[in-house]
PDB file of N, CA and C in Angstrom:
ATOM      1  N   UNK A   1       5.781  47.825  23.312  1.00  0.00           N
ATOM      2  CA  UNK A   1       5.298  46.743  22.472  1.00  0.00           C
ATOM      3  C   UNK A   1       6.108  45.492  22.780  1.00  0.00           C
ATOM      4  N   UNK A   2       5.421  44.365  22.959  1.00  0.00           N
ATOM      5  CA  UNK A   2       6.107  43.120  23.264  1.00  0.00           C
ATOM      6  C   UNK A   2       6.644  42.476  21.999  1.00  0.00           C
ATOM      7  N   UNK A   3       7.717  41.738  22.159  1.00  0.00           N
ATOM      8  CA  UNK A   3       8.346  41.068  21.021  1.00  0.00           C
ATOM      9  C   UNK A   3       7.531  39.846  20.630  1.00  0.00           C
ATOM     10  N   UNK A   4       7.498  39.574  19.367  1.00  0.00           N
ATOM     11  CA  UNK A   4       6.794  38.389  18.870  1.00  0.00           C
ATOM     12  C   UNK A   4       7.592  37.137  19.216  1.00  0.00           C
ATOM     13  N   UNK A   5       6.913  36.026  19.490  1.00  0.00           N
ATOM     14  CA  UNK A   5       7.644  34.796  19.778  1.00  0.00           C
ATOM     15  C   UNK A   5       8.360  34.278  18.529  1.00  0.00           C
ATOM     16  N   UNK A   6       9.445  33.567  18.747  1.00  0.00           N
ATOM     17  CA  UNK A   6      10.196  33.012  17.620  1.00  0.00           C
ATOM     18  C   UNK A   6       9.351  31.949  16.929  1.00  0.00           C
ATOM     19  N   UNK A   7       9.329  31.996  15.625  1.00  0.00           N
ATOM     20  CA  UNK A   7       8.543  31.024  14.858  1.00  0.00           C
ATOM     21  C   UNK A   7       9.356  30.548  13.674  1.00  0.00           C
ATOM     22  N   UNK A   8       8.879  29.457  13.083  1.00  0.00           N
ATOM     23  CA  UNK A   8       9.512  28.896  11.899  1.00  0.00           C
ATOM     24  C   UNK A   8       8.414  28.277  11.035  1.00  0.00           C
ATOM     25  N   UNK A   9       8.589  28.317   9.745  1.00  0.00           N
ATOM     26  CA  UNK A   9       7.595  27.767   8.832  1.00  0.00           C
ATOM     27  C   UNK A   9       7.933  26.311   8.502  1.00  0.00           C
ATOM     28  N   UNK A  10       6.944  25.529   8.098  1.00  0.00           N
ATOM     29  CA  UNK A  10       7.216  24.140   7.695  1.00  0.00           C
ATOM     30  C   UNK A  10       8.208  24.056   6.537  1.00  0.00           C
ATOM     31  N   UNK A  11       8.199  25.047   5.660  1.00  0.00           N
ATOM     32  CA  UNK A  11       9.136  25.076   4.540  1.00  0.00           C
ATOM     33  C   UNK A  11      10.574  25.189   5.047  1.00  0.00           C
ATOM     34  N   UNK A  12      10.799  26.027   6.054  1.00  0.00           N
ATOM     35  CA  UNK A  12      12.141  26.191   6.613  1.00  0.00           C
ATOM     36  C   UNK A  12      12.602  24.913   7.316  1.00  0.00           C
ATOM     37  N   UNK A  13      11.695  24.272   8.036  1.00  0.00           N
ATOM     38  CA  UNK A  13      12.042  23.017   8.711  1.00  0.00           C
ATOM     39  C   UNK A  13      12.388  21.949   7.680  1.00  0.00           C
ATOM     40  N   UNK A  14      11.564  21.861   6.634  1.00  0.00           N
ATOM     41  CA  UNK A  14      11.774  20.851   5.591  1.00  0.00           C
ATOM     42  C   UNK A  14      13.103  21.056   4.882  1.00  0.00           C
ATOM     43  N   UNK A  15      13.422  22.285   4.537  1.00  0.00           N
ATOM     44  CA  UNK A  15      14.692  22.539   3.838  1.00  0.00           C
ATOM     45  C   UNK A  15      15.881  22.289   4.762  1.00  0.00           C
ATOM     46  N   UNK A  16      15.725  22.563   6.057  1.00  0.00           N
ATOM     47  CA  UNK A  16      16.814  22.335   7.014  1.00  0.00           C
ATOM     48  C   UNK A  16      17.128  20.840   7.142  1.00  0.00           C
ATOM     49  N   UNK A  17      16.106  20.000   7.192  1.00  0.00           N
ATOM     50  CA  UNK A  17      16.308  18.567   7.367  1.00  0.00           C
ATOM     51  C   UNK A  17      16.319  17.794   6.053  1.00  0.00           C
ATOM     52  N   UNK A  18      16.033  18.468   4.947  1.00  0.00           N
ATOM     53  CA  UNK A  18      16.049  17.807   3.644  1.00  0.00           C
ATOM     54  C   UNK A  18      14.888  16.849   3.449  1.00  0.00           C
ATOM     55  N   UNK A  19      13.727  17.233   3.953  1.00  0.00           N
ATOM     56  CA  UNK A  19      12.530  16.410   3.794  1.00  0.00           C
ATOM     57  C   UNK A  19      11.449  17.221   3.100  1.00  0.00           C
ATOM     58  N   UNK A  20      10.349  16.586   2.803  1.00  0.00           N
ATOM     59  CA  UNK A  20       9.258  17.235   2.092  1.00  0.00           C
ATOM     60  C   UNK A  20       8.464  18.144   3.041  1.00  0.00           C
ATOM     61  N   UNK A  21       8.102  19.313   2.573  1.00  0.00           N
ATOM     62  CA  UNK A  21       7.323  20.259   3.375  1.00  0.00           C
ATOM     63  C   UNK A  21       5.972  19.670   3.766  1.00  0.00           C
ATOM     64  N   UNK A  22       5.383  18.915   2.866  1.00  0.00           N
ATOM     65  CA  UNK A  22       4.077  18.315   3.142  1.00  0.00           C
ATOM     66  C   UNK A  22       4.156  17.354   4.332  1.00  0.00           C
ATOM     67  N   UNK A  23       5.266  16.628   4.427  1.00  0.00           N
ATOM     68  CA  UNK A  23       5.463  15.708   5.543  1.00  0.00           C
ATOM     69  C   UNK A  23       5.484  16.470   6.858  1.00  0.00           C
ATOM     70  N   UNK A  24       6.186  17.590   6.878  1.00  0.00           N
ATOM     71  CA  UNK A  24       6.265  18.408   8.091  1.00  0.00           C
ATOM     72  C   UNK A  24       4.884  18.944   8.451  1.00  0.00           C
ATOM     73  N   UNK A  25       4.162  19.461   7.457  1.00  0.00           N
ATOM     74  CA  UNK A  25       2.820  19.996   7.716  1.00  0.00           C
ATOM     75  C   UNK A  25       1.876  18.925   8.276  1.00  0.00           C
ATOM     76  N   UNK A  26       1.880  17.748   7.652  1.00  0.00           N
ATOM     77  CA  UNK A  26       0.981  16.681   8.083  1.00  0.00           C
ATOM     78  C   UNK A  26       1.312  16.198   9.486  1.00  0.00           C
ATOM     79  N   UNK A  27       2.600  16.036   9.783  1.00  0.00           N
ATOM     80  CA  UNK A  27       3.007  15.561  11.107  1.00  0.00           C
ATOM     81  C   UNK A  27       2.651  16.608  12.167  1.00  0.00           C
ATOM     82  N   UNK A  28       2.914  17.877  11.887  1.00  0.00           N
ATOM     83  CA  UNK A  28       2.603  18.942  12.839  1.00  0.00           C
ATOM     84  C   UNK A  28       1.093  19.058  13.054  1.00  0.00           C
ATOM     85  N   UNK A  29       0.338  18.913  11.989  1.00  0.00           N
ATOM     86  CA  UNK A  29      -1.119  18.998  12.103  1.00  0.00           C
ATOM     87  C   UNK A  29      -1.666  17.822  12.907  1.00  0.00           C
ATOM     88  N   UNK A  30      -1.125  16.624  12.666  1.00  0.00           N
ATOM     89  CA  UNK A  30      -1.571  15.431  13.380  1.00  0.00           C
ATOM     90  C   UNK A  30      -1.293  15.552  14.881  1.00  0.00           C
ATOM     91  N   UNK A  31      -0.206  16.227  15.229  1.00  0.00           N
ATOM     92  CA  UNK A  31       0.157  16.401  16.638  1.00  0.00           C
ATOM     93  C   UNK A  31      -0.503  17.634  17.252  1.00  0.00           C
ATOM     94  N   UNK A  32      -1.175  18.430  16.416  1.00  0.00           N
ATOM     95  CA  UNK A  32      -1.824  19.645  16.912  1.00  0.00           C
ATOM     96  C   UNK A  32      -0.845  20.752  17.245  1.00  0.00           C
ATOM     97  N   UNK A  33       0.283  20.785  16.536  1.00  0.00           N
ATOM     98  CA  UNK A  33       1.331  21.754  16.839  1.00  0.00           C
ATOM     99  C   UNK A  33       1.334  22.963  15.909  1.00  0.00           C
ATOM    100  N   UNK A  34       0.766  22.828  14.731  1.00  0.00           N
ATOM    101  CA  UNK A  34       0.845  23.922  13.761  1.00  0.00           C
ATOM    102  C   UNK A  34      -0.173  25.010  14.080  1.00  0.00           C
ATOM    103  N   UNK A  35       0.196  26.224  13.763  1.00  0.00           N
ATOM    104  CA  UNK A  35      -0.680  27.386  13.911  1.00  0.00           C
ATOM    105  C   UNK A  35      -0.951  27.910  12.506  1.00  0.00           C
ATOM    106  N   UNK A  36      -2.140  28.449  12.301  1.00  0.00           N
ATOM    107  CA  UNK A  36      -2.496  28.904  10.970  1.00  0.00           C
ATOM    108  C   UNK A  36      -3.199  30.242  11.063  1.00  0.00           C
ATOM    109  N   UNK A  37      -2.717  31.194  10.288  1.00  0.00           N
ATOM    110  CA  UNK A  37      -3.364  32.493  10.133  1.00  0.00           C
ATOM    111  C   UNK A  37      -3.542  32.697   8.637  1.00  0.00           C
ATOM    112  N   UNK A  38      -4.786  32.698   8.200  1.00  0.00           N
ATOM    113  CA  UNK A  38      -5.048  32.776   6.760  1.00  0.00           C
ATOM    114  C   UNK A  38      -4.554  31.501   6.104  1.00  0.00           C
ATOM    115  N   UNK A  39      -3.675  31.663   5.120  1.00  0.00           N
ATOM    116  CA  UNK A  39      -3.089  30.514   4.451  1.00  0.00           C
ATOM    117  C   UNK A  39      -1.701  30.190   4.984  1.00  0.00           C
ATOM    118  N   UNK A  40      -1.187  31.014   5.871  1.00  0.00           N
ATOM    119  CA  UNK A  40       0.166  30.836   6.392  1.00  0.00           C
ATOM    120  C   UNK A  40       0.166  29.896   7.590  1.00  0.00           C
ATOM    121  N   UNK A  41       1.035  28.902   7.542  1.00  0.00           N
ATOM    122  CA  UNK A  41       1.192  27.938   8.621  1.00  0.00           C
ATOM    123  C   UNK A  41       2.565  28.160   9.230  1.00  0.00           C
ATOM    124  N   UNK A  42       2.629  28.124  10.564  1.00  0.00           N
ATOM    125  CA  UNK A  42       3.912  28.282  11.233  1.00  0.00           C
ATOM    126  C   UNK A  42       3.908  27.518  12.539  1.00  0.00           C
ATOM    127  N   UNK A  43       5.097  27.319  13.089  1.00  0.00           N
ATOM    128  CA  UNK A  43       5.262  26.636  14.364  1.00  0.00           C
ATOM    129  C   UNK A  43       6.088  27.521  15.280  1.00  0.00           C
ATOM    130  N   UNK A  44       5.759  27.492  16.558  1.00  0.00           N
ATOM    131  CA  UNK A  44       6.540  28.230  17.538  1.00  0.00           C
ATOM    132  C   UNK A  44       7.738  27.382  17.947  1.00  0.00           C
ATOM    133  N   UNK A  45       8.680  28.003  18.634  1.00  0.00           N
ATOM    134  CA  UNK A  45       9.918  27.314  19.006  1.00  0.00           C
ATOM    135  C   UNK A  45       9.627  26.048  19.820  1.00  0.00           C
ATOM    136  N   UNK A  46       8.720  26.142  20.773  1.00  0.00           N
ATOM    137  CA  UNK A  46       8.364  24.974  21.576  1.00  0.00           C
ATOM    138  C   UNK A  46       7.701  23.879  20.753  1.00  0.00           C
ATOM    139  N   UNK A  47       6.925  24.288  19.751  1.00  0.00           N
ATOM    140  CA  UNK A  47       6.271  23.329  18.859  1.00  0.00           C
ATOM    141  C   UNK A  47       7.296  22.516  18.077  1.00  0.00           C
ATOM    142  N   UNK A  48       8.373  23.180  17.666  1.00  0.00           N
ATOM    143  CA  UNK A  48       9.412  22.500  16.889  1.00  0.00           C
ATOM    144  C   UNK A  48      10.074  21.436  17.757  1.00  0.00           C
ATOM    145  N   UNK A  49      10.325  21.755  19.022  1.00  0.00           N
ATOM    146  CA  UNK A  49      10.934  20.772  19.925  1.00  0.00           C
ATOM    147  C   UNK A  49      10.002  19.578  20.137  1.00  0.00           C
ATOM    148  N   UNK A  50       8.708  19.826  20.280  1.00  0.00           N
ATOM    149  CA  UNK A  50       7.739  18.729  20.443  1.00  0.00           C
ATOM    150  C   UNK A  50       7.661  17.877  19.175  1.00  0.00           C
ATOM    151  N   UNK A  51       7.738  18.527  18.015  1.00  0.00           N
ATOM    152  CA  UNK A  51       7.716  17.814  16.738  1.00  0.00           C
ATOM    153  C   UNK A  51       8.929  16.898  16.631  1.00  0.00           C
ATOM    154  N   UNK A  52      10.094  17.398  17.025  1.00  0.00           N
ATOM    155  CA  UNK A  52      11.317  16.605  16.962  1.00  0.00           C
ATOM    156  C   UNK A  52      11.240  15.425  17.934  1.00  0.00           C
ATOM    157  N   UNK A  53      10.698  15.637  19.121  1.00  0.00           N
ATOM    158  CA  UNK A  53      10.545  14.555  20.094  1.00  0.00           C
ATOM    159  C   UNK A  53       9.600  13.475  19.568  1.00  0.00           C
ATOM    160  N   UNK A  54       8.522  13.903  18.923  1.00  0.00           N
ATOM    161  CA  UNK A  54       7.558  12.946  18.373  1.00  0.00           C
ATOM    162  C   UNK A  54       8.179  12.127  17.247  1.00  0.00           C
ATOM    163  N   UNK A  55       9.099  12.726  16.502  1.00  0.00           N
ATOM    164  CA  UNK A  55       9.737  12.017  15.397  1.00  0.00           C
ATOM    165  C   UNK A  55      10.781  11.019  15.894  1.00  0.00           C
ATOM    166  N   UNK A  56      11.248  11.162  17.131  1.00  0.00           N
ATOM    167  CA  UNK A  56      12.215  10.225  17.685  1.00  0.00           C
ATOM    168  C   UNK A  56      11.571   8.899  18.044  1.00  0.00           C
ATOM    169  N   UNK A  57      10.284   8.921  18.373  1.00  0.00           N
ATOM    170  CA  UNK A  57       9.579   7.716  18.761  1.00  0.00           C
ATOM    171  C   UNK A  57       9.384   6.819  17.554  1.00  0.00           C
ATOM    172  N   UNK A  58       9.547   5.552  17.761  1.00  0.00           N
ATOM    173  CA  UNK A  58       9.364   4.576  16.690  1.00  0.00           C
ATOM    174  C   UNK A  58       7.877   4.270  16.554  1.00  0.00           C
ATOM    175  N   UNK A  59       7.271   4.500  15.384  1.00  0.00           N
ATOM    176  CA  UNK A  59       5.850   4.238  15.222  1.00  0.00           C
ATOM    177  C   UNK A  59       5.514   2.755  15.134  1.00  0.00           C
ATOM    178  N   UNK A  60       6.524   1.917  14.922  1.00  0.00           N
ATOM    179  CA  UNK A  60       6.279   0.492  14.754  1.00  0.00           C
ATOM    180  C   UNK A  60       6.004  -0.176  16.090  1.00  0.00           C
ATOM    181  N   UNK A  61       4.990  -1.011  16.129  1.00  0.00           N
ATOM    182  CA  UNK A  61       4.680  -1.732  17.355  1.00  0.00           C
ATOM    183  C   UNK A  61       5.664  -2.877  17.580  1.00  0.00           C
ATOM    184  N   UNK A  62       6.413  -3.252  16.551  1.00  0.00           N
ATOM    185  CA  UNK A  62       7.340  -4.369  16.690  1.00  0.00           C
ATOM    186  C   UNK A  62       8.494  -4.024  17.621  1.00  0.00           C
ATOM    187  N   UNK A  63       8.877  -2.751  17.690  1.00  0.00           N
ATOM    188  CA  UNK A  63       9.973  -2.342  18.557  1.00  0.00           C
ATOM    189  C   UNK A  63       9.540  -2.217  20.008  1.00  0.00           C
ATOM    190  N   UNK A  64       8.264  -2.044  20.248  1.00  0.00           N
ATOM    191  CA  UNK A  64       7.763  -1.832  21.600  1.00  0.00           C
ATOM    192  C   UNK A  64       7.659  -3.136  22.373  1.00  0.00           C
ATOM    193  N   UNK A  65       7.455  -4.223  21.669  1.00  0.00           N
ATOM    194  CA  UNK A  65       7.296  -5.504  22.333  1.00  0.00           C
ATOM    195  C   UNK A  65       8.636  -6.215  22.389  1.00  0.00           C
ATOM    196  N   UNK A  66       8.980  -6.690  23.562  1.00  0.00           N
ATOM    197  CA  UNK A  66      10.222  -7.429  23.721  1.00  0.00           C
ATOM    198  C   UNK A  66       9.943  -8.903  23.476  1.00  0.00           C
ATOM    199  N   UNK A  67      10.950  -9.592  23.051  1.00  0.00           N
ATOM    200  CA  UNK A  67      10.791 -11.028  22.857  1.00  0.00           C
ATOM    201  C   UNK A  67      11.359 -11.465  21.534  1.00  0.00           C
ATOM    202  N   UNK A  68      11.417 -12.746  21.375  1.00  0.00           N
ATOM    203  CA  UNK A  68      11.989 -13.325  20.179  1.00  0.00           C
ATOM    204  C   UNK A  68      10.900 -13.591  19.148  1.00  0.00           C
ATOM    205  N   UNK A  69      11.293 -13.543  17.892  1.00  0.00           N
ATOM    206  CA  UNK A  69      10.333 -13.866  16.835  1.00  0.00           C
ATOM    207  C   UNK A  69      10.427 -15.330  16.445  1.00  0.00           C
ATOM    208  N   UNK A  70      11.334 -16.060  17.048  1.00  0.00           N
ATOM    209  CA  UNK A  70      11.508 -17.472  16.744  1.00  0.00           C
ATOM    210  C   UNK A  70      10.446 -18.250  17.508  1.00  0.00           C
ATOM    211  N   UNK A  71       9.808 -19.182  16.817  1.00  0.00           N
ATOM    212  CA  UNK A  71       8.775 -19.978  17.471  1.00  0.00           C
ATOM    213  C   UNK A  71       9.424 -21.021  18.357  1.00  0.00           C
ATOM    214  N   UNK A  72       8.668 -21.516  19.295  1.00  0.00           N
ATOM    215  CA  UNK A  72       9.204 -22.492  20.239  1.00  0.00           C
ATOM    216  C   UNK A  72       9.517 -23.820  19.562  1.00  0.00           C
ATOM    217  N   UNK A  73       8.660 -24.230  18.640  1.00  0.00           N
ATOM    218  CA  UNK A  73       8.870 -25.513  17.976  1.00  0.00           C
ATOM    219  C   UNK A  73       8.824 -25.313  16.473  1.00  0.00           C
ATOM    220  N   UNK A  74       9.569 -26.124  15.730  1.00  0.00           N
ATOM    221  CA  UNK A  74       9.510 -25.996  14.269  1.00  0.00           C
ATOM    222  C   UNK A  74       8.138 -26.420  13.757  1.00  0.00           C
ATOM    223  N   UNK A  75       7.838 -25.976  12.545  1.00  0.00           N
ATOM    224  CA  UNK A  75       6.560 -26.338  11.937  1.00  0.00           C
ATOM    225  C   UNK A  75       6.498 -27.828  11.673  1.00  0.00           C
ATOM    226  N   UNK A  76       5.358 -28.398  11.919  1.00  0.00           N
ATOM    227  CA  UNK A  76       5.165 -29.804  11.590  1.00  0.00           C
ATOM    228  C   UNK A  76       4.763 -29.907  10.131  1.00  0.00           C
ATOM    229  N   UNK A  77       4.765 -31.097   9.606  1.00  0.00           N
ATOM    230  CA  UNK A  77       4.409 -31.307   8.204  1.00  0.00           C
ATOM    231  C   UNK A  77       2.973 -30.853   7.965  1.00  0.00           C
ATOM    232  N   UNK A  78       2.088 -31.155   8.910  1.00  0.00           N
ATOM    233  CA  UNK A  78       0.688 -30.772   8.756  1.00  0.00           C
ATOM    234  C   UNK A  78       0.525 -29.261   8.735  1.00  0.00           C
ATOM    235  N   UNK A  79       1.194 -28.561   9.647  1.00  0.00           N
ATOM    236  CA  UNK A  79       1.042 -27.099   9.691  1.00  0.00           C
ATOM    237  C   UNK A  79       1.687 -26.455   8.478  1.00  0.00           C
ATOM    238  N   UNK A  80       2.792 -27.057   7.970  1.00  0.00           N
ATOM    239  CA  UNK A  80       3.427 -26.533   6.768  1.00  0.00           C
ATOM    240  C   UNK A  80       2.480 -26.658   5.583  1.00  0.00           C
ATOM    241  N   UNK A  81       1.797 -27.782   5.482  1.00  0.00           N
ATOM    242  CA  UNK A  81       0.849 -28.001   4.392  1.00  0.00           C
ATOM    243  C   UNK A  81      -0.298 -26.987   4.474  1.00  0.00           C
ATOM    244  N   UNK A  82      -0.754 -26.684   5.689  1.00  0.00           N
ATOM    245  CA  UNK A  82      -1.818 -25.703   5.861  1.00  0.00           C
ATOM    246  C   UNK A  82      -1.368 -24.316   5.405  1.00  0.00           C
ATOM    247  N   UNK A  83      -0.144 -23.952   5.781  1.00  0.00           N
ATOM    248  CA  UNK A  83       0.387 -22.648   5.383  1.00  0.00           C
ATOM    249  C   UNK A  83       0.543 -22.590   3.877  1.00  0.00           C
ATOM    250  N   UNK A  84       1.071 -23.644   3.294  1.00  0.00           N
ATOM    251  CA  UNK A  84       1.257 -23.679   1.846  1.00  0.00           C
ATOM    252  C   UNK A  84      -0.080 -23.578   1.124  1.00  0.00           C
ATOM    253  N   UNK A  85      -1.085 -24.256   1.628  1.00  0.00           N
ATOM    254  CA  UNK A  85      -2.417 -24.225   1.026  1.00  0.00           C
ATOM    255  C   UNK A  85      -3.001 -22.808   1.089  1.00  0.00           C
ATOM    256  N   UNK A  86      -2.780 -22.135   2.219  1.00  0.00           N
ATOM    257  CA  UNK A  86      -3.305 -20.785   2.394  1.00  0.00           C
ATOM    258  C   UNK A  86      -2.623 -19.779   1.464  1.00  0.00           C
ATOM    259  N   UNK A  87      -1.334 -19.990   1.200  1.00  0.00           N
ATOM    260  CA  UNK A  87      -0.579 -19.024   0.414  1.00  0.00           C
ATOM    261  C   UNK A  87      -0.633 -19.256  -1.092  1.00  0.00           C
ATOM    262  N   UNK A  88      -1.089 -20.428  -1.533  1.00  0.00           N
ATOM    263  CA  UNK A  88      -1.173 -20.678  -2.969  1.00  0.00           C
ATOM    264  C   UNK A  88      -2.376 -19.953  -3.544  1.00  0.00           C
ATOM    265  N   UNK A  89      -2.232 -19.560  -4.792  1.00  0.00           N
ATOM    266  CA  UNK A  89      -3.315 -18.829  -5.448  1.00  0.00           C
ATOM    267  C   UNK A  89      -4.485 -19.753  -5.712  1.00  0.00           C
ATOM    268  N   UNK A  90      -5.641 -19.228  -5.447  1.00  0.00           N
ATOM    269  CA  UNK A  90      -6.860 -19.984  -5.713  1.00  0.00           C
ATOM    270  C   UNK A  90      -7.438 -19.545  -7.045  1.00  0.00           C
ATOM    271  N   UNK A  91      -8.140 -20.463  -7.666  1.00  0.00           N
ATOM    272  CA  UNK A  91      -8.768 -20.144  -8.935  1.00  0.00           C
ATOM    273  C   UNK A  91      -9.979 -19.251  -8.678  1.00  0.00           C
ATOM    274  N   UNK A  92     -10.161 -18.299  -9.536  1.00  0.00           N
ATOM    275  CA  UNK A  92     -11.297 -17.390  -9.378  1.00  0.00           C
ATOM    276  C   UNK A  92     -12.599 -18.099  -9.691  1.00  0.00           C
ATOM    277  N   UNK A  93     -13.616 -17.741  -8.934  1.00  0.00           N
ATOM    278  CA  UNK A  93     -14.934 -18.325  -9.153  1.00  0.00           C
ATOM    279  C   UNK A  93     -15.821 -17.448 -10.022  1.00  0.00           C
ATOM    280  N   UNK A  94     -15.355 -16.270 -10.381  1.00  0.00           N
ATOM    281  CA  UNK A  94     -16.175 -15.329 -11.128  1.00  0.00           C
ATOM    282  C   UNK A  94     -16.472 -15.802 -12.540  1.00  0.00           C
ATOM    283  N   UNK A  95     -17.380 -15.119 -13.188  1.00  0.00           N
ATOM    284  CA  UNK A  95     -17.744 -15.494 -14.556  1.00  0.00           C
ATOM    285  C   UNK A  95     -16.616 -15.134 -15.506  1.00  0.00           C
ATOM    286  N   UNK A  96     -16.508 -15.900 -16.543  1.00  0.00           N
ATOM    287  CA  UNK A  96     -15.465 -15.661 -17.536  1.00  0.00           C
ATOM    288  C   UNK A  96     -16.011 -14.764 -18.622  1.00  0.00           C
ATOM    289  N   UNK A  97     -15.111 -14.143 -19.353  1.00  0.00           N
ATOM    290  CA  UNK A  97     -15.532 -13.273 -20.449  1.00  0.00           C
ATOM    291  C   UNK A  97     -16.234 -14.091 -21.520  1.00  0.00           C
ATOM    292  N   UNK A  98     -17.283 -13.548 -22.020  1.00  0.00           N
ATOM    293  CA  UNK A  98     -18.030 -14.218 -23.081  1.00  0.00           C
ATOM    294  C   UNK A  98     -17.594 -13.635 -24.414  1.00  0.00           C
ATOM    295  N   UNK A  99     -17.506 -14.498 -25.404  1.00  0.00           N
ATOM    296  CA  UNK A  99     -17.111 -14.017 -26.718  1.00  0.00           C
ATOM    297  C   UNK A  99     -18.229 -13.157 -27.302  1.00  0.00           C
ATOM    298  N   UNK A 100     -17.835 -12.255 -28.178  1.00  0.00           N
ATOM    299  CA  UNK A 100     -18.832 -11.378 -28.798  1.00  0.00           C
ATOM    300  C   UNK A 100     -19.716 -12.182 -29.736  1.00  0.00           C
ATOM    301  N   UNK A 101     -20.980 -11.908 -29.646  1.00  0.00           N
ATOM    302  CA  UNK A 101     -21.928 -12.597 -30.523  1.00  0.00           C
ATOM    303  C   UNK A 101     -21.913 -11.934 -31.896  1.00  0.00           C
ATOM    304  N   UNK A 102     -22.143 -12.738 -32.881  1.00  0.00           N
ATOM    305  CA  UNK A 102     -22.210 -12.191 -34.228  1.00  0.00           C
ATOM    306  C   UNK A 102     -23.638 -11.718 -34.476  1.00  0.00           C
ATOM    307  N   UNK A 103     -23.746 -10.527 -35.010  1.00  0.00           N
ATOM    308  CA  UNK A 103     -25.070  -9.944 -35.256  1.00  0.00           C
ATOM    309  C   UNK A 103     -25.364  -9.926 -36.755  1.00  0.00           C
ATOM    310  N   UNK A 104     -26.246 -10.798 -37.192  1.00  0.00           N
ATOM    311  CA  UNK A 104     -26.725 -10.771 -38.574  1.00  0.00           C
ATOM    312  C   UNK A 104     -25.686 -11.171 -39.601  1.00  0.00           C
ATOM    313  N   UNK A 105     -26.042 -11.000 -40.850  1.00  0.00           N
ATOM    314  CA  UNK A 105     -25.163 -11.322 -41.964  1.00  0.00           C
ATOM    315  C   UNK A 105     -24.569 -10.055 -42.525  1.00  0.00           C
ATOM    316  N   UNK A 106     -23.361 -10.170 -43.031  1.00  0.00           N
ATOM    317  CA  UNK A 106     -22.711  -9.033 -43.668  1.00  0.00           C
ATOM    318  C   UNK A 106     -23.025  -9.109 -45.146  1.00  0.00           C
ATOM    319  N   UNK A 107     -23.542  -8.006 -45.695  1.00  0.00           N
ATOM    320  CA  UNK A 107     -23.912  -7.963 -47.099  1.00  0.00           C
ATOM    321  C   UNK A 107     -22.952  -7.021 -47.802  1.00  0.00           C
ATOM    322  N   UNK A 108     -22.386  -7.481 -48.890  1.00  0.00           N
ATOM    323  CA  UNK A 108     -21.462  -6.662 -49.647  1.00  0.00           C
ATOM    324  C   UNK A 108     -22.221  -5.574 -50.388  1.00  0.00           C
ATOM    325  N   UNK A 109     -21.718  -4.372 -50.390  1.00  0.00           N
ATOM    326  CA  UNK A 109     -22.365  -3.249 -51.068  1.00  0.00           C
ATOM    327  C   UNK A 109     -21.773  -3.031 -52.452  1.00  0.00           C
ATOM    328  N   UNK A 110     -20.817  -3.857 -52.831  1.00  0.00           N
ATOM    329  CA  UNK A 110     -20.177  -3.715 -54.136  1.00  0.00           C
ATOM    330  C   UNK A 110     -21.126  -4.240 -55.201  1.00  0.00           C
ATOM    331  N   UNK A 111     -21.486  -3.375 -56.158  1.00  0.00           N
ATOM    332  CA  UNK A 111     -22.444  -3.776 -57.185  1.00  0.00           C
ATOM    333  C   UNK A 111     -21.738  -4.325 -58.434  1.00  0.00           C
ATOM    334  N   UNK A 112     -20.490  -4.132 -58.471  1.00  0.00           N
ATOM    335  CA  UNK A 112     -19.781  -4.589 -59.670  1.00  0.00           C
ATOM    336  C   UNK A 112     -19.996  -3.597 -60.806  1.00  0.00           C
ATOM    337  N   UNK A 113     -19.667  -3.992 -62.006  1.00  0.00           N
ATOM    338  CA  UNK A 113     -19.851  -3.109 -63.148  1.00  0.00           C
ATOM    339  C   UNK A 113     -21.195  -3.371 -63.800  1.00  0.00           C
ATOM    340  N   UNK A 114     -21.912  -2.327 -64.084  1.00  0.00           N
ATOM    341  CA  UNK A 114     -23.216  -2.467 -64.706  1.00  0.00           C
ATOM    342  C   UNK A 114     -23.172  -1.919 -66.108  1.00  0.00           C
TER     343      UNK A 114
END
């Protein structure tokens, strides 16, 4: 009989690194690394290494592009005014709440003493 390959569950990975199990499951599923039999999910030893490599990569596109974030020239008065205009809150054009209408007259039911 052949030996079973080494495996680890997302719960074990999560507790080892101190992260949420759901995060491990979602990341492994997104990468196509998780295996599932019934309701049990597990990863093989090679899958864990691929998961760790994928987590080393920076998902932000800002790190991938080289260059400065400083613009070549300062903003002019006109462009500053345009930016300010764009960022200020605009008044809503929607309809305003209408006050409740009064329905009929209120008649007292008190008959007094007879």
